[in-house]
Protein backbone atom coordinates (compact mmCIF):
# COMPACT_ATOMS: atom_id res chain seq x y z
CA UNK A 1 -13.17 -14.73 -8.79
CA UNK A 2 -10.28 -13.44 -6.66
CA UNK A 3 -10.17 -10.66 -4.18
CA UNK A 4 -7.03 -8.61 -4.22
CA UNK A 5 -6.18 -6.44 -1.23
CA UNK A 6 -3.40 -3.96 -1.91
CA UNK A 7 -1.83 -1.64 0.74
CA UNK A 8 0.03 1.18 -0.87
CA UNK A 9 1.45 4.53 0.31
CA UNK A 10 -0.77 7.50 -0.08
CA UNK A 11 1.83 9.08 -2.43
CA UNK A 12 0.88 6.38 -4.94
CA UNK A 13 -2.87 6.33 -4.45
CA UNK A 14 -4.06 8.87 -7.13
CA UNK A 15 -1.78 7.43 -9.87
CA UNK A 16 -2.75 3.92 -9.06
CA UNK A 17 -6.58 4.91 -9.03
CA UNK A 18 -6.17 6.32 -12.47
CA UNK A 19 -4.44 3.37 -13.76
CA UNK A 20 -7.31 1.13 -12.52
CA UNK A 21 -9.90 3.29 -14.29
CA UNK A 22 -7.93 3.14 -17.56
CA UNK A 23 -7.69 -0.61 -17.28
CA UNK A 24 -11.30 -0.97 -16.32
CA UNK A 25 -10.61 -2.46 -12.89
CA UNK A 26 -13.18 -1.61 -10.19
CA UNK A 27 -11.54 -0.86 -6.82
CA UNK A 28 -12.75 0.24 -3.42
CA UNK A 29 -10.37 2.56 -1.63
CA UNK A 30 -9.96 2.67 2.16
CA UNK A 31 -7.88 5.13 4.04
CA UNK A 32 -5.54 3.28 6.47
CA UNK A 33 -2.48 4.00 8.48
CA UNK A 34 0.16 2.03 10.20
CA UNK A 35 3.39 0.45 9.46
CA UNK A 36 6.87 1.32 10.63
CA UNK A 37 6.56 5.19 10.10
CA UNK A 38 2.72 5.19 11.01
CA UNK A 39 2.27 7.01 7.76
CA UNK A 40 -0.94 7.41 5.70
CA UNK A 41 -1.79 4.44 3.45
CA UNK A 42 -4.58 3.48 1.15
CA UNK A 43 -6.00 -0.05 0.99
CA UNK A 44 -7.47 -1.03 -2.27
CA UNK A 45 -10.09 -3.98 -2.35
CA UNK A 46 -10.54 -5.41 -5.87
CA UNK A 47 -12.82 -8.25 -6.92
CA UNK A 48 -11.44 -9.53 -10.25
CA UNK A 49 -11.75 -12.55 -12.54
CA UNK A 50 -8.95 -15.12 -12.05
CA UNK A 51 -7.40 -14.46 -15.62
CA UNK A 52 -7.03 -10.79 -14.78
CA UNK A 53 -5.18 -11.12 -11.51
CA UNK A 54 -1.69 -10.88 -13.01
CA UNK A 55 -2.74 -7.77 -15.00
CA UNK A 56 -3.84 -6.04 -11.78
CA UNK A 57 -0.66 -7.25 -9.98
CA UNK A 58 1.50 -5.69 -12.85
CA UNK A 59 -0.45 -2.32 -12.58
CA UNK A 60 0.16 -2.28 -8.72
CA UNK A 61 3.82 -3.25 -9.11
CA UNK A 62 4.47 -0.68 -11.97
CA UNK A 63 3.04 2.31 -9.93
CA UNK A 64 3.81 1.52 -6.23
CA UNK A 65 7.50 2.24 -6.21
CA UNK A 66 9.79 1.98 -3.12
CA UNK A 67 11.69 5.25 -2.05
CA UNK A 68 14.05 6.26 0.61
CA UNK A 69 13.07 8.59 3.43
CA UNK A 70 14.66 9.95 6.51
CA UNK A 71 13.07 9.38 9.83
CA UNK A 72 13.99 10.02 13.43
CA UNK A 73 13.51 7.06 15.70
CA UNK A 74 11.72 7.46 18.95
CA UNK A 75 13.96 8.97 21.58
CA UNK A 76 14.55 7.13 24.94
CA UNK A 77 13.80 9.68 27.50
CA UNK A 78 15.74 7.74 30.18
CA UNK A 79 18.97 7.86 28.23
CA UNK A 80 19.51 11.70 28.54
CA UNK A 81 21.33 13.79 25.87
CA UNK A 82 23.80 10.90 25.05
CA UNK A 83 20.63 8.82 23.83
CA UNK A 84 19.55 11.58 21.37
CA UNK A 85 18.13 9.92 18.19
CA UNK A 86 19.73 10.93 14.84
CA UNK A 87 17.89 10.62 11.58
CA UNK A 88 18.30 7.30 9.65
CA UNK A 89 17.42 6.43 6.09
CA UNK A 90 14.65 3.90 5.59
CA UNK A 91 13.02 2.29 2.49
CA UNK A 92 9.22 3.10 2.31
CA UNK A 93 6.59 2.61 -0.28
CA UNK A 94 5.97 -0.34 -2.55
CA UNK A 95 2.91 -2.38 -1.96
CA UNK A 96 1.71 -5.15 0.25
CA UNK A 97 -0.74 -7.34 -1.55
CA UNK A 98 -2.88 -10.32 -0.61
CA UNK A 99 -4.77 -12.46 -3.10
CA UNK A 100 -7.74 -14.72 -1.78
CA UNK A 101 -10.23 -16.82 -3.49
CA UNK A 102 -13.84 -15.47 -3.29
CA UNK A 103 -16.35 -18.25 -2.64
CA UNK A 104 -19.22 -15.97 -3.61
CA UNK A 105 -19.62 -12.56 -5.22
CA UNK A 106 -22.72 -10.41 -5.35
CA UNK A 107 -23.25 -6.95 -6.73
CA UNK A 108 -26.72 -5.47 -6.27
């Protein structure tokens, strides 16, 4: 057994959940936040047989797409008006995925 932990942007959560249901993959969803933009994320925890790991990774990769977004960097208040921050374009989305061995798995 393997444990897959996948952190995806909230925008991809429902579509990914539906894909997991369709593929008969059981996943636990946790609401999380953080990252560069401090935006909402969802963390999926999936216990899966070793031979299905690539299938799950392919589902995550196909749905969790990167996108570009504008953000305003934090302003330095000491810099005055000349230190005003302007929007910059950053790449967001995609998925951060960890795969770990499970020593023991119980379902009650």
